[in-house]
C-alpha atoms as a PDB file:
ATOM      1  CA  UNK A   1     -22.547  28.327   8.934  1.00  0.00           C
ATOM      2  CA  UNK A   2     -19.820  27.044  10.873  1.00  0.00           C
ATOM      3  CA  UNK A   3     -17.244  28.720   8.646  1.00  0.00           C
ATOM      4  CA  UNK A   4     -19.401  32.252   8.140  1.00  0.00           C
ATOM      5  CA  UNK A   5     -18.611  33.546  11.752  1.00  0.00           C
ATOM      6  CA  UNK A   6     -14.814  33.298  11.844  1.00  0.00           C
ATOM      7  CA  UNK A   7     -14.358  34.544   7.928  1.00  0.00           C
ATOM      8  CA  UNK A   8     -16.738  37.792   8.328  1.00  0.00           C
ATOM      9  CA  UNK A   9     -14.633  38.674  11.180  1.00  0.00           C
ATOM     10  CA  UNK A  10     -11.351  38.226   9.386  1.00  0.00           C
ATOM     11  CA  UNK A  11     -12.698  39.562   5.962  1.00  0.00           C
ATOM     12  CA  UNK A  12     -13.993  42.829   7.785  1.00  0.00           C
ATOM     13  CA  UNK A  13     -10.686  44.577   8.065  1.00  0.00           C
ATOM     14  CA  UNK A  14      -9.932  43.391   4.484  1.00  0.00           C
ATOM     15  CA  UNK A  15     -13.033  44.616   2.937  1.00  0.00           C
ATOM     16  CA  UNK A  16     -11.845  48.085   5.005  1.00  0.00           C
ATOM     17  CA  UNK A  17      -8.919  48.126   3.485  1.00  0.00           C
ATOM     18  CA  UNK A  18     -10.127  47.468  -0.123  1.00  0.00           C
ATOM     19  CA  UNK A  19     -12.211  50.727   0.382  1.00  0.00           C
ATOM     20  CA  UNK A  20      -9.245  52.535   1.512  1.00  0.00           C
ATOM     21  CA  UNK A  21      -7.363  51.460  -1.437  1.00  0.00           C
ATOM     22  CA  UNK A  22     -10.291  52.734  -3.677  1.00  0.00           C
ATOM     23  CA  UNK A  23     -10.052  56.254  -1.942  1.00  0.00           C
ATOM     24  CA  UNK A  24      -5.985  56.320  -2.427  1.00  0.00           C
ATOM     25  CA  UNK A  25      -6.252  56.349  -6.218  1.00  0.00           C
ATOM     26  CA  UNK A  26      -6.264  59.568  -8.006  1.00  0.00           C
ATOM     27  CA  UNK A  27      -9.260  60.762 -10.228  1.00  0.00           C
ATOM     28  CA  UNK A  28      -6.985  60.301 -13.541  1.00  0.00           C
ATOM     29  CA  UNK A  29      -6.483  56.857 -12.939  1.00  0.00           C
ATOM     30  CA  UNK A  30     -10.189  56.198 -12.683  1.00  0.00           C
ATOM     31  CA  UNK A  31     -10.866  54.568 -16.168  1.00  0.00           C
ATOM     32  CA  UNK A  32     -13.708  52.644 -17.191  1.00  0.00           C
ATOM     33  CA  UNK A  33     -13.344  48.989 -15.580  1.00  0.00           C
ATOM     34  CA  UNK A  34     -10.450  50.292 -13.549  1.00  0.00           C
ATOM     35  CA  UNK A  35     -11.568  48.343 -10.198  1.00  0.00           C
ATOM     36  CA  UNK A  36     -11.611  44.675 -12.050  1.00  0.00           C
ATOM     37  CA  UNK A  37      -8.118  45.516 -13.336  1.00  0.00           C
ATOM     38  CA  UNK A  38      -7.007  46.912  -9.937  1.00  0.00           C
ATOM     39  CA  UNK A  39      -8.871  43.655  -8.247  1.00  0.00           C
ATOM     40  CA  UNK A  40      -6.945  41.380 -10.507  1.00  0.00           C
ATOM     41  CA  UNK A  41      -3.466  43.232  -9.737  1.00  0.00           C
ATOM     42  CA  UNK A  42      -4.575  42.570  -6.104  1.00  0.00           C
ATOM     43  CA  UNK A  43      -5.040  38.914  -6.581  1.00  0.00           C
ATOM     44  CA  UNK A  44      -1.645  38.687  -8.280  1.00  0.00           C
ATOM     45  CA  UNK A  45       0.172  40.476  -5.609  1.00  0.00           C
ATOM     46  CA  UNK A  46      -1.406  38.039  -3.142  1.00  0.00           C
ATOM     47  CA  UNK A  47      -0.329  35.068  -4.826  1.00  0.00           C
ATOM     48  CA  UNK A  48       2.936  36.151  -5.199  1.00  0.00           C
ATOM     49  CA  UNK A  49       3.290  37.521  -1.807  1.00  0.00           C
ATOM     50  CA  UNK A  50       1.752  34.020  -0.389  1.00  0.00           C
ATOM     51  CA  UNK A  51       4.900  32.306  -2.364  1.00  0.00           C
ATOM     52  CA  UNK A  52       7.447  34.863  -1.097  1.00  0.00           C
ATOM     53  CA  UNK A  53       6.016  34.670   2.639  1.00  0.00           C
ATOM     54  CA  UNK A  54       5.875  30.783   2.333  1.00  0.00           C
ATOM     55  CA  UNK A  55       9.738  30.517   1.262  1.00  0.00           C
ATOM     56  CA  UNK A  56      10.769  32.972   3.988  1.00  0.00           C
ATOM     57  CA  UNK A  57       8.928  30.969   6.663  1.00  0.00           C
ATOM     58  CA  UNK A  58       9.765  27.433   5.201  1.00  0.00           C
ATOM     59  CA  UNK A  59      12.840  26.872   7.600  1.00  0.00           C
ATOM     60  CA  UNK A  60      11.731  28.205  10.641  1.00  0.00           C
ATOM     61  CA  UNK A  61       8.421  26.407  10.516  1.00  0.00           C
ATOM     62  CA  UNK A  62      10.547  23.009   9.639  1.00  0.00           C
ATOM     63  CA  UNK A  63      12.766  23.858  12.558  1.00  0.00           C
ATOM     64  CA  UNK A  64       9.769  24.454  14.858  1.00  0.00           C
ATOM     65  CA  UNK A  65       7.866  21.212  13.617  1.00  0.00           C
ATOM     66  CA  UNK A  66       9.596  17.862  13.610  1.00  0.00           C
ATOM     67  CA  UNK A  67       7.161  16.319  11.272  1.00  0.00           C
ATOM     68  CA  UNK A  68       7.358  16.736   7.753  1.00  0.00           C
ATOM     69  CA  UNK A  69       3.845  16.556   7.348  1.00  0.00           C
ATOM     70  CA  UNK A  70       3.039  19.009   9.817  1.00  0.00           C
ATOM     71  CA  UNK A  71       5.155  21.758   8.453  1.00  0.00           C
ATOM     72  CA  UNK A  72       3.572  21.145   5.055  1.00  0.00           C
ATOM     73  CA  UNK A  73      -0.026  21.778   6.591  1.00  0.00           C
ATOM     74  CA  UNK A  74       0.795  24.764   8.136  1.00  0.00           C
ATOM     75  CA  UNK A  75       2.806  26.460   5.016  1.00  0.00           C
ATOM     76  CA  UNK A  76      -0.150  25.352   2.887  1.00  0.00           C
ATOM     77  CA  UNK A  77      -2.742  26.998   5.360  1.00  0.00           C
ATOM     78  CA  UNK A  78      -0.285  30.158   5.652  1.00  0.00           C
ATOM     79  CA  UNK A  79      -0.456  30.410   1.719  1.00  0.00           C
ATOM     80  CA  UNK A  80      -4.206  29.824   1.448  1.00  0.00           C
ATOM     81  CA  UNK A  81      -4.292  32.499   4.327  1.00  0.00           C
ATOM     82  CA  UNK A  82      -3.110  35.020   2.221  1.00  0.00           C
ATOM     83  CA  UNK A  83      -4.421  34.538  -0.545  1.00  0.00           C
ATOM     84  CA  UNK A  84      -8.153  34.252   0.762  1.00  0.00           C
ATOM     85  CA  UNK A  85      -7.177  38.069   2.227  1.00  0.00           C
ATOM     86  CA  UNK A  86      -6.347  39.047  -1.287  1.00  0.00           C
ATOM     87  CA  UNK A  87      -9.411  37.933  -2.544  1.00  0.00           C
ATOM     88  CA  UNK A  88     -11.406  39.804   0.077  1.00  0.00           C
ATOM     89  CA  UNK A  89      -9.587  42.949  -0.705  1.00  0.00           C
ATOM     90  CA  UNK A  90     -10.352  42.358  -4.259  1.00  0.00           C
ATOM     91  CA  UNK A  91     -13.670  42.223  -3.635  1.00  0.00           C
ATOM     92  CA  UNK A  92     -13.613  45.459  -1.641  1.00  0.00           C
ATOM     93  CA  UNK A  93     -11.844  47.015  -4.673  1.00  0.00           C
ATOM     94  CA  UNK A  94     -14.602  46.038  -6.833  1.00  0.00           C
ATOM     95  CA  UNK A  95     -17.645  47.149  -4.514  1.00  0.00           C
ATOM     96  CA  UNK A  96     -18.626  43.947  -3.065  1.00  0.00           C
ATOM     97  CA  UNK A  97     -20.009  45.237   0.732  1.00  0.00           C
ATOM     98  CA  UNK A  98     -19.344  43.218   3.883  1.00  0.00           C
ATOM     99  CA  UNK A  99     -22.832  41.999   4.075  1.00  0.00           C
ATOM    100  CA  UNK A 100     -22.879  40.413   0.398  1.00  0.00           C
ATOM    101  CA  UNK A 101     -19.609  38.414   1.557  1.00  0.00           C
ATOM    102  CA  UNK A 102     -20.730  37.047   4.622  1.00  0.00           C
ATOM    103  CA  UNK A 103     -24.113  35.973   2.920  1.00  0.00           C
ATOM    104  CA  UNK A 104     -22.161  34.342   0.096  1.00  0.00           C
ATOM    105  CA  UNK A 105     -20.130  32.710   2.786  1.00  0.00           C
ATOM    106  CA  UNK A 106     -23.137  31.472   4.610  1.00  0.00           C
ATOM    107  CA  UNK A 107     -24.660  29.643   1.512  1.00  0.00           C
ATOM    108  CA  UNK A 108     -21.496  28.059   0.566  1.00  0.00           C
ATOM    109  CA  UNK A 109     -21.065  26.980   3.972  1.00  0.00           C
ATOM    110  CA  UNK A 110     -24.626  25.497   3.756  1.00  0.00           C
ATOM    111  CA  UNK A 111     -23.657  24.126   0.344  1.00  0.00           C
ATOM    112  CA  UNK A 112     -20.207  22.513   1.901  1.00  0.00           C
ATOM    113  CA  UNK A 113     -21.964  20.757   4.593  1.00  0.00           C
ATOM    114  CA  UNK A 114     -24.575  19.174   2.568  1.00  0.00           C
ATOM    115  CA  UNK A 115     -23.042  18.352  -0.670  1.00  0.00           C
ATOM    116  CA  UNK A 116     -19.267  18.072   0.223  1.00  0.00           C
ATOM    117  CA  UNK A 117     -19.957  16.004   3.301  1.00  0.00           C
ATOM    118  CA  UNK A 118     -17.408  13.205   2.307  1.00  0.00           C
ATOM    119  CA  UNK A 119     -15.069  15.806   1.688  1.00  0.00           C
ATOM    120  CA  UNK A 120     -15.348  17.444   4.903  1.00  0.00           C
ATOM    121  CA  UNK A 121     -15.192  13.994   6.736  1.00  0.00           C
ATOM    122  CA  UNK A 122     -11.764  13.334   4.894  1.00  0.00           C
ATOM    123  CA  UNK A 123     -10.647  16.530   6.161  1.00  0.00           C
ATOM    124  CA  UNK A 124     -11.351  15.559   9.940  1.00  0.00           C
ATOM    125  CA  UNK A 125     -10.031  12.521   9.270  1.00  0.00           C
ATOM    126  CA  UNK A 126      -6.673  13.976   7.892  1.00  0.00           C
ATOM    127  CA  UNK A 127      -6.346  16.041  11.064  1.00  0.00           C
ATOM    128  CA  UNK A 128      -7.159  12.989  13.338  1.00  0.00           C
ATOM    129  CA  UNK A 129      -4.075  11.449  11.013  1.00  0.00           C
ATOM    130  CA  UNK A 130      -1.848  14.120  11.537  1.00  0.00           C
ATOM    131  CA  UNK A 131      -2.349  14.054  15.612  1.00  0.00           C
ATOM    132  CA  UNK A 132      -2.186  10.372  15.905  1.00  0.00           C
ATOM    133  CA  UNK A 133       0.744   9.998  13.903  1.00  0.00           C
ATOM    134  CA  UNK A 134       0.029   6.133  12.566  1.00  0.00           C
ATOM    135  CA  UNK A 135       2.668   6.925   9.957  1.00  0.00           C
ATOM    136  CA  UNK A 136       5.131   9.451   8.531  1.00  0.00           C
ATOM    137  CA  UNK A 137       6.164  10.929   4.762  1.00  0.00           C
ATOM    138  CA  UNK A 138       9.110   8.138   3.980  1.00  0.00           C
ATOM    139  CA  UNK A 139       7.584   5.328   5.688  1.00  0.00           C
ATOM    140  CA  UNK A 140       6.786   1.896   4.132  1.00  0.00           C
ATOM    141  CA  UNK A 141       3.543   0.545   4.397  1.00  0.00           C
ATOM    142  CA  UNK A 142       1.016  -1.767   3.423  1.00  0.00           C
ATOM    143  CA  UNK A 143      -2.453  -1.575   3.142  1.00  0.00           C
ATOM    144  CA  UNK A 144      -5.344  -4.100   3.479  1.00  0.00           C
ATOM    145  CA  UNK A 145      -5.209  -5.362  -0.002  1.00  0.00           C
ATOM    146  CA  UNK A 146      -1.663  -5.916   0.292  1.00  0.00           C
ATOM    147  CA  UNK A 147      -0.395  -3.170  -1.697  1.00  0.00           C
ATOM    148  CA  UNK A 148       2.887  -1.998  -0.428  1.00  0.00           C
ATOM    149  CA  UNK A 149       4.674   1.469  -0.697  1.00  0.00           C
ATOM    150  CA  UNK A 150       6.267   4.790   0.527  1.00  0.00           C
ATOM    151  CA  UNK A 151       3.975   7.697   1.983  1.00  0.00           C
ATOM    152  CA  UNK A 152       5.151  10.330  -0.690  1.00  0.00           C
ATOM    153  CA  UNK A 153       2.454  13.056   0.861  1.00  0.00           C
ATOM    154  CA  UNK A 154       0.078  13.485   3.859  1.00  0.00           C
ATOM    155  CA  UNK A 155      -2.457  16.500   3.553  1.00  0.00           C
ATOM    156  CA  UNK A 156      -5.753  17.097   5.644  1.00  0.00           C
ATOM    157  CA  UNK A 157      -7.764  15.482   2.636  1.00  0.00           C
ATOM    158  CA  UNK A 158      -5.690  12.256   1.281  1.00  0.00           C
ATOM    159  CA  UNK A 159      -2.604  10.174   1.547  1.00  0.00           C
ATOM    160  CA  UNK A 160      -0.536   9.916  -1.518  1.00  0.00           C
ATOM    161  CA  UNK A 161       1.440   6.528  -1.463  1.00  0.00           C
ATOM    162  CA  UNK A 162       4.062   5.409  -4.070  1.00  0.00           C
ATOM    163  CA  UNK A 163       3.656   1.632  -4.616  1.00  0.00           C
ATOM    164  CA  UNK A 164       6.569  -0.768  -5.181  1.00  0.00           C
ATOM    165  CA  UNK A 165       5.571  -0.983  -8.665  1.00  0.00           C
ATOM    166  CA  UNK A 166       5.973   2.968  -9.448  1.00  0.00           C
ATOM    167  CA  UNK A 167       2.824   3.633  -9.450  1.00  0.00           C
ATOM    168  CA  UNK A 168       0.810   6.409  -7.499  1.00  0.00           C
ATOM    169  CA  UNK A 169      -1.903   5.795  -5.275  1.00  0.00           C
ATOM    170  CA  UNK A 170      -4.063   8.533  -3.765  1.00  0.00           C
ATOM    171  CA  UNK A 171      -6.159   7.616  -0.847  1.00  0.00           C
ATOM    172  CA  UNK A 172      -8.784   9.324   1.015  1.00  0.00           C
ATOM    173  CA  UNK A 173      -7.891   9.941   4.912  1.00  0.00           C
ATOM    174  CA  UNK A 174     -11.352   8.701   5.559  1.00  0.00           C
ATOM    175  CA  UNK A 175     -10.636   5.351   3.865  1.00  0.00           C
ATOM    176  CA  UNK A 176      -7.077   5.284   5.575  1.00  0.00           C
ATOM    177  CA  UNK A 177      -8.452   5.304   8.806  1.00  0.00           C
ATOM    178  CA  UNK A 178     -11.030   2.799   8.306  1.00  0.00           C
ATOM    179  CA  UNK A 179      -8.693  -0.006   7.188  1.00  0.00           C
ATOM    180  CA  UNK A 180      -5.873  -1.391   8.789  1.00  0.00           C
ATOM    181  CA  UNK A 181      -2.460   0.036   7.684  1.00  0.00           C
ATOM    182  CA  UNK A 182       1.329  -2.033   8.576  1.00  0.00           C
ATOM    183  CA  UNK A 183       3.708   0.339   8.885  1.00  0.00           C
ATOM    184  CA  UNK A 184       7.104  -1.277   8.305  1.00  0.00           C
ATOM    185  CA  UNK A 185       9.401   2.047   9.052  1.00  0.00           C
ATOM    186  CA  UNK A 186       7.678   2.844  12.472  1.00  0.00           C
ATOM    187  CA  UNK A 187      10.672   2.929  14.989  1.00  0.00           C
ATOM    188  CA  UNK A 188      12.541   0.118  14.356  1.00  0.00           C
ATOM    189  CA  UNK A 189      12.524  -1.233  10.644  1.00  0.00           C
ATOM    190  CA  UNK A 190      13.496  -4.944  11.341  1.00  0.00           C
ATOM    191  CA  UNK A 191      10.627  -7.417  10.382  1.00  0.00           C
ATOM    192  CA  UNK A 192      10.270 -11.114  10.979  1.00  0.00           C
ATOM    193  CA  UNK A 193       9.443 -13.406   8.426  1.00  0.00           C
ATOM    194  CA  UNK A 194       8.656 -16.963   8.314  1.00  0.00           C
ATOM    195  CA  UNK A 195       8.518 -20.059   5.842  1.00  0.00           C
ATOM    196  CA  UNK A 196       6.686 -22.990   5.951  1.00  0.00           C
ATOM    197  CA  UNK A 197       8.424 -26.284   4.913  1.00  0.00           C
ATOM    198  CA  UNK A 198       6.650 -29.757   5.197  1.00  0.00           C
ATOM    199  CA  UNK A 199       8.821 -32.638   4.865  1.00  0.00           C
ATOM    200  CA  UNK A 200       8.032 -36.467   5.007  1.00  0.00           C
ATOM    201  CA  UNK A 201       7.648 -38.446   8.262  1.00  0.00           C
ATOM    202  CA  UNK A 202      10.823 -40.701   7.041  1.00  0.00           C
ATOM    203  CA  UNK A 203      13.140 -37.396   6.954  1.00  0.00           C
ATOM    204  CA  UNK A 204      15.524 -36.472   9.007  1.00  0.00           C
ATOM    205  CA  UNK A 205      13.834 -33.958  10.804  1.00  0.00           C
ATOM    206  CA  UNK A 206      16.726 -32.432  13.204  1.00  0.00           C
ATOM    207  CA  UNK A 207      18.896 -32.574   9.906  1.00  0.00           C
ATOM    208  CA  UNK A 208      16.374 -30.297   8.264  1.00  0.00           C
ATOM    209  CA  UNK A 209      15.882 -27.722  10.999  1.00  0.00           C
ATOM    210  CA  UNK A 210      19.666 -27.420  10.970  1.00  0.00           C
ATOM    211  CA  UNK A 211      19.964 -26.776   7.151  1.00  0.00           C
ATOM    212  CA  UNK A 212      16.949 -24.631   7.474  1.00  0.00           C
ATOM    213  CA  UNK A 213      18.731 -22.510  10.104  1.00  0.00           C
ATOM    214  CA  UNK A 214      21.917 -22.708   8.070  1.00  0.00           C
ATOM    215  CA  UNK A 215      20.314 -21.167   4.854  1.00  0.00           C
ATOM    216  CA  UNK A 216      18.713 -18.298   6.621  1.00  0.00           C
ATOM    217  CA  UNK A 217      21.815 -17.408   8.339  1.00  0.00           C
ATOM    218  CA  UNK A 218      23.766 -16.995   5.376  1.00  0.00           C
ATOM    219  CA  UNK A 219      21.770 -14.515   3.611  1.00  0.00           C
ATOM    220  CA  UNK A 220      23.297 -10.959   4.019  1.00  0.00           C
ATOM    221  CA  UNK A 221      20.053  -9.299   4.609  1.00  0.00           C
ATOM    222  CA  UNK A 222      19.069 -12.082   7.869  1.00  0.00           C
ATOM    223  CA  UNK A 223      20.240 -11.414  11.296  1.00  0.00           C
ATOM    224  CA  UNK A 224      22.372 -14.062  11.890  1.00  0.00           C
ATOM    225  CA  UNK A 225      22.534 -13.524  15.871  1.00  0.00           C
ATOM    226  CA  UNK A 226      23.261 -11.131  18.696  1.00  0.00           C
ATOM    227  CA  UNK A 227      21.289  -9.411  21.369  1.00  0.00           C
ATOM    228  CA  UNK A 228      17.637 -10.411  21.483  1.00  0.00           C
ATOM    229  CA  UNK A 229      15.148  -8.344  19.961  1.00  0.00           C
ATOM    230  CA  UNK A 230      12.427  -7.175  22.514  1.00  0.00           C
ATOM    231  CA  UNK A 231       9.043  -6.354  21.346  1.00  0.00           C
ATOM    232  CA  UNK A 232       6.830  -4.983  24.160  1.00  0.00           C
ATOM    233  CA  UNK A 233       7.659  -6.817  27.218  1.00  0.00           C
ATOM    234  CA  UNK A 234       8.718 -10.058  25.396  1.00  0.00           C
ATOM    235  CA  UNK A 235      12.321 -10.963  24.002  1.00  0.00           C
ATOM    236  CA  UNK A 236      12.734 -13.028  20.996  1.00  0.00           C
ATOM    237  CA  UNK A 237      16.320 -14.401  19.736  1.00  0.00           C
ATOM    238  CA  UNK A 238      17.599 -12.616  16.696  1.00  0.00           C
ATOM    239  CA  UNK A 239      18.891 -15.691  15.151  1.00  0.00           C
ATOM    240  CA  UNK A 240      17.224 -17.864  12.780  1.00  0.00           C
ATOM    241  CA  UNK A 241      14.857 -20.316  14.727  1.00  0.00           C
ATOM    242  CA  UNK A 242      13.295 -23.500  13.656  1.00  0.00           C
ATOM    243  CA  UNK A 243       9.813 -25.055  14.981  1.00  0.00           C
ATOM    244  CA  UNK A 244       8.376 -28.064  14.495  1.00  0.00           C
ATOM    245  CA  UNK A 245       5.150 -26.419  13.624  1.00  0.00           C
ATOM    246  CA  UNK A 246       2.601 -29.310  13.376  1.00  0.00           C
ATOM    247  CA  UNK A 247       2.032 -33.034  12.096  1.00  0.00           C
ATOM    248  CA  UNK A 248       0.104 -32.501   8.981  1.00  0.00           C
ATOM    249  CA  UNK A 249      -1.754 -35.192   7.099  1.00  0.00           C
ATOM    250  CA  UNK A 250       1.084 -35.762   4.398  1.00  0.00           C
ATOM    251  CA  UNK A 251       4.341 -34.949   6.752  1.00  0.00           C
ATOM    252  CA  UNK A 252       5.750 -33.214   9.675  1.00  0.00           C
ATOM    253  CA  UNK A 253       5.205 -29.056   9.127  1.00  0.00           C
ATOM    254  CA  UNK A 254       8.453 -26.916  10.164  1.00  0.00           C
ATOM    255  CA  UNK A 255       8.647 -23.339  10.228  1.00  0.00           C
ATOM    256  CA  UNK A 256      11.644 -21.372  10.225  1.00  0.00           C
ATOM    257  CA  UNK A 257      11.303 -17.777  11.603  1.00  0.00           C
ATOM    258  CA  UNK A 258      14.126 -15.351  10.790  1.00  0.00           C
ATOM    259  CA  UNK A 259      14.587 -11.422  11.241  1.00  0.00           C
ATOM    260  CA  UNK A 260      15.664  -9.080   8.311  1.00  0.00           C
ATOM    261  CA  UNK A 261      17.454  -5.746   8.799  1.00  0.00           C
ATOM    262  CA  UNK A 262      15.636  -3.856   6.177  1.00  0.00           C
ATOM    263  CA  UNK A 263      11.569  -4.475   5.197  1.00  0.00           C
ATOM    264  CA  UNK A 264      12.151  -2.625   1.376  1.00  0.00           C
ATOM    265  CA  UNK A 265      12.871  -5.917  -0.487  1.00  0.00           C
ATOM    266  CA  UNK A 266      11.309  -8.578   1.411  1.00  0.00           C
ATOM    267  CA  UNK A 267       9.935 -10.674  -1.581  1.00  0.00           C
ATOM    268  CA  UNK A 268      13.459 -11.002  -2.770  1.00  0.00           C
ATOM    269  CA  UNK A 269      14.531 -11.919   0.331  1.00  0.00           C
ATOM    270  CA  UNK A 270      11.697 -14.569   0.848  1.00  0.00           C
ATOM    271  CA  UNK A 271      12.540 -15.713  -2.759  1.00  0.00           C
ATOM    272  CA  UNK A 272      16.544 -15.986  -1.992  1.00  0.00           C
ATOM    273  CA  UNK A 273      15.745 -18.139   1.302  1.00  0.00           C
ATOM    274  CA  UNK A 274      13.430 -20.745  -0.383  1.00  0.00           C
ATOM    275  CA  UNK A 275      16.260 -21.051  -3.326  1.00  0.00           C
ATOM    276  CA  UNK A 276      18.782 -21.691  -0.596  1.00  0.00           C
ATOM    277  CA  UNK A 277      16.696 -23.959   0.936  1.00  0.00           C
ATOM    278  CA  UNK A 278      15.595 -26.240  -1.887  1.00  0.00           C
ATOM    279  CA  UNK A 279      19.357 -26.250  -3.393  1.00  0.00           C
ATOM    280  CA  UNK A 280      20.425 -27.465   0.264  1.00  0.00           C
ATOM    281  CA  UNK A 281      17.959 -30.104   0.552  1.00  0.00           C
ATOM    282  CA  UNK A 282      18.638 -31.607  -2.563  1.00  0.00           C
ATOM    283  CA  UNK A 283      22.872 -31.457  -2.369  1.00  0.00           C
ATOM    284  CA  UNK A 284      22.673 -32.687   1.316  1.00  0.00           C
ATOM    285  CA  UNK A 285      23.487 -36.579   2.101  1.00  0.00           C
ATOM    286  CA  UNK A 286      20.605 -36.667   4.532  1.00  0.00           C
ATOM    287  CA  UNK A 287      17.363 -38.494   4.087  1.00  0.00           C
ATOM    288  CA  UNK A 288      15.376 -35.653   3.296  1.00  0.00           C
ATOM    289  CA  UNK A 289      12.343 -34.980   1.386  1.00  0.00           C
ATOM    290  CA  UNK A 290       9.584 -32.745   0.492  1.00  0.00           C
ATOM    291  CA  UNK A 291       6.229 -33.943   1.410  1.00  0.00           C
ATOM    292  CA  UNK A 292       3.306 -33.954  -0.674  1.00  0.00           C
ATOM    293  CA  UNK A 293      -0.059 -35.149  -1.317  1.00  0.00           C
ATOM    294  CA  UNK A 294      -0.626 -38.642  -2.032  1.00  0.00           C
ATOM    295  CA  UNK A 295      -3.813 -39.969  -3.322  1.00  0.00           C
ATOM    296  CA  UNK A 296      -5.248 -43.828  -3.792  1.00  0.00           C
ATOM    297  CA  UNK A 297      -7.902 -44.516  -5.706  1.00  0.00           C
ATOM    298  CA  UNK A 298     -10.190 -47.565  -4.223  1.00  0.00           C
ATOM    299  CA  UNK A 299     -12.991 -49.227  -6.037  1.00  0.00           C
ATOM    300  CA  UNK A 300     -15.465 -51.157  -4.127  1.00  0.00           C
ATOM    301  CA  UNK A 301     -18.631 -53.156  -4.920  1.00  0.00           C
ATOM    302  CA  UNK A 302     -20.428 -49.738  -5.313  1.00  0.00           C
ATOM    303  CA  UNK A 303     -18.229 -48.701  -7.968  1.00  0.00           C
ATOM    304  CA  UNK A 304     -19.001 -51.188 -10.935  1.00  0.00           C
ATOM    305  CA  UNK A 305     -16.788 -53.074 -13.064  1.00  0.00           C
ATOM    306  CA  UNK A 306     -13.734 -52.675 -14.982  1.00  0.00           C
ATOM    307  CA  UNK A 307     -12.623 -55.125 -17.701  1.00  0.00           C
ATOM    308  CA  UNK A 308      -8.900 -54.771 -18.057  1.00  0.00           C
ATOM    309  CA  UNK A 309      -6.369 -56.914 -19.949  1.00  0.00           C
ATOM    310  CA  UNK A 310      -2.792 -56.578 -18.869  1.00  0.00           C
ATOM    311  CA  UNK A 311      -0.260 -57.767 -21.766  1.00  0.00           C
ATOM    312  CA  UNK A 312       0.883 -57.562 -25.574  1.00  0.00           C
ATOM    313  CA  UNK A 313      -1.459 -56.476 -28.193  1.00  0.00           C
ATOM    314  CA  UNK A 314      -1.725 -57.761 -31.822  1.00  0.00           C
ATOM    315  CA  UNK A 315       0.122 -56.183 -34.300  1.00  0.00           C
ATOM    316  CA  UNK A 316      -3.044 -55.914 -36.729  1.00  0.00           C
ATOM    317  CA  UNK A 317      -5.081 -54.783 -33.915  1.00  0.00           C
ATOM    318  CA  UNK A 318      -7.084 -51.551 -35.083  1.00  0.00           C
ATOM    319  CA  UNK A 319      -6.403 -48.357 -33.630  1.00  0.00           C
ATOM    320  CA  UNK A 320      -9.244 -47.718 -32.101  1.00  0.00           C
ATOM    321  CA  UNK A 321      -8.916 -51.021 -29.800  1.00  0.00           C
ATOM    322  CA  UNK A 322     -10.928 -53.596 -32.062  1.00  0.00           C
ATOM    323  CA  UNK A 323     -10.384 -57.477 -32.004  1.00  0.00           C
ATOM    324  CA  UNK A 324      -7.750 -58.451 -34.663  1.00  0.00           C
ATOM    325  CA  UNK A 325      -8.841 -59.664 -38.029  1.00  0.00           C
ATOM    326  CA  UNK A 326      -7.582 -63.250 -39.114  1.00  0.00           C
ATOM    327  CA  UNK A 327      -5.023 -62.952 -41.712  1.00  0.00           C
ATOM    328  CA  UNK A 328      -4.808 -65.458 -44.514  1.00  0.00           C
ATOM    329  CA  UNK A 329      -1.463 -66.558 -46.170  1.00  0.00           C
ATOM    330  CA  UNK A 330      -2.923 -67.001 -49.222  1.00  0.00           C
ATOM    331  CA  UNK A 331      -4.155 -63.382 -49.393  1.00  0.00           C
ATOM    332  CA  UNK A 332      -7.849 -63.931 -49.969  1.00  0.00           C
ATOM    333  CA  UNK A 333     -10.527 -64.127 -47.360  1.00  0.00           C
ATOM    334  CA  UNK A 334     -12.652 -66.956 -46.452  1.00  0.00           C
ATOM    335  CA  UNK A 335     -15.988 -65.443 -47.933  1.00  0.00           C
ATOM    336  CA  UNK A 336     -14.328 -64.788 -51.696  1.00  0.00           C
ATOM    337  CA  UNK A 337     -14.957 -67.673 -54.171  1.00  0.00           C
ATOM    338  CA  UNK A 338     -11.706 -69.781 -55.044  1.00  0.00           C
END
């Protein structure tokens, strides 16, 4: 219903144009089935004209709208509009009346509203995404399930993402609006990462903090210093920092925080930092040890009894742990007759 009124107004002139096209055809060209051939030619002409118009208007539209996704949507709508007009003209050539077309559009709109409600919802969410601008084509985003990738295409129905594994991910816009999306490329590409290191209570924690800062600062992708980085109304140091995060059960938890210039190879950068921390702790002369859980088994009166003997075993003991047999130097056994 919501589509019938505007479409009827737009199609009235196209139908009249189709009637005029029929009247202009000479009598000698009106063979059996010529209406269908003329309608097909009109549709083909409309498709070719839509491609030419889109190619002609591509650069002006791109200059007018800085966002690539909006420019693509406008060009798609322009192409679809020209093709729709050609279809209406073709319908007029075949002989469809305006009332039949309006009735067909009305029925189609009712079916569209009932059966294709999810698609309509995705379309509306796509318009909100284009208006809110949470991400743009070329941005690196992360979905709630942890998958990361680059936005390749934004339409009014779906968002296409090329993941870091070089796979294509098509997500409906209704799903994109309902979940949390992390945009690593929005405005400032610098990202702060962290690494938790647990050292023993007997370790030299001050020396460990120095080695952690050095391990991060020596990486080429890490910001080693400079002006503070502003986030909102707060400012944070650009150099790597180490905090004594907590006193855990098995040791002291040190938290290394550092900024990277680009968010596109985060797993690789994190792996390099871990390797440097591992090598630095092992080669340094200071007493720094990684902490790990220790467990002691305690037996009390309710645990039962355990018989254990510590010492050497008889060479003639059986493999099954049985008692050793008595060996007679004469080579006979006590039960045998002499």
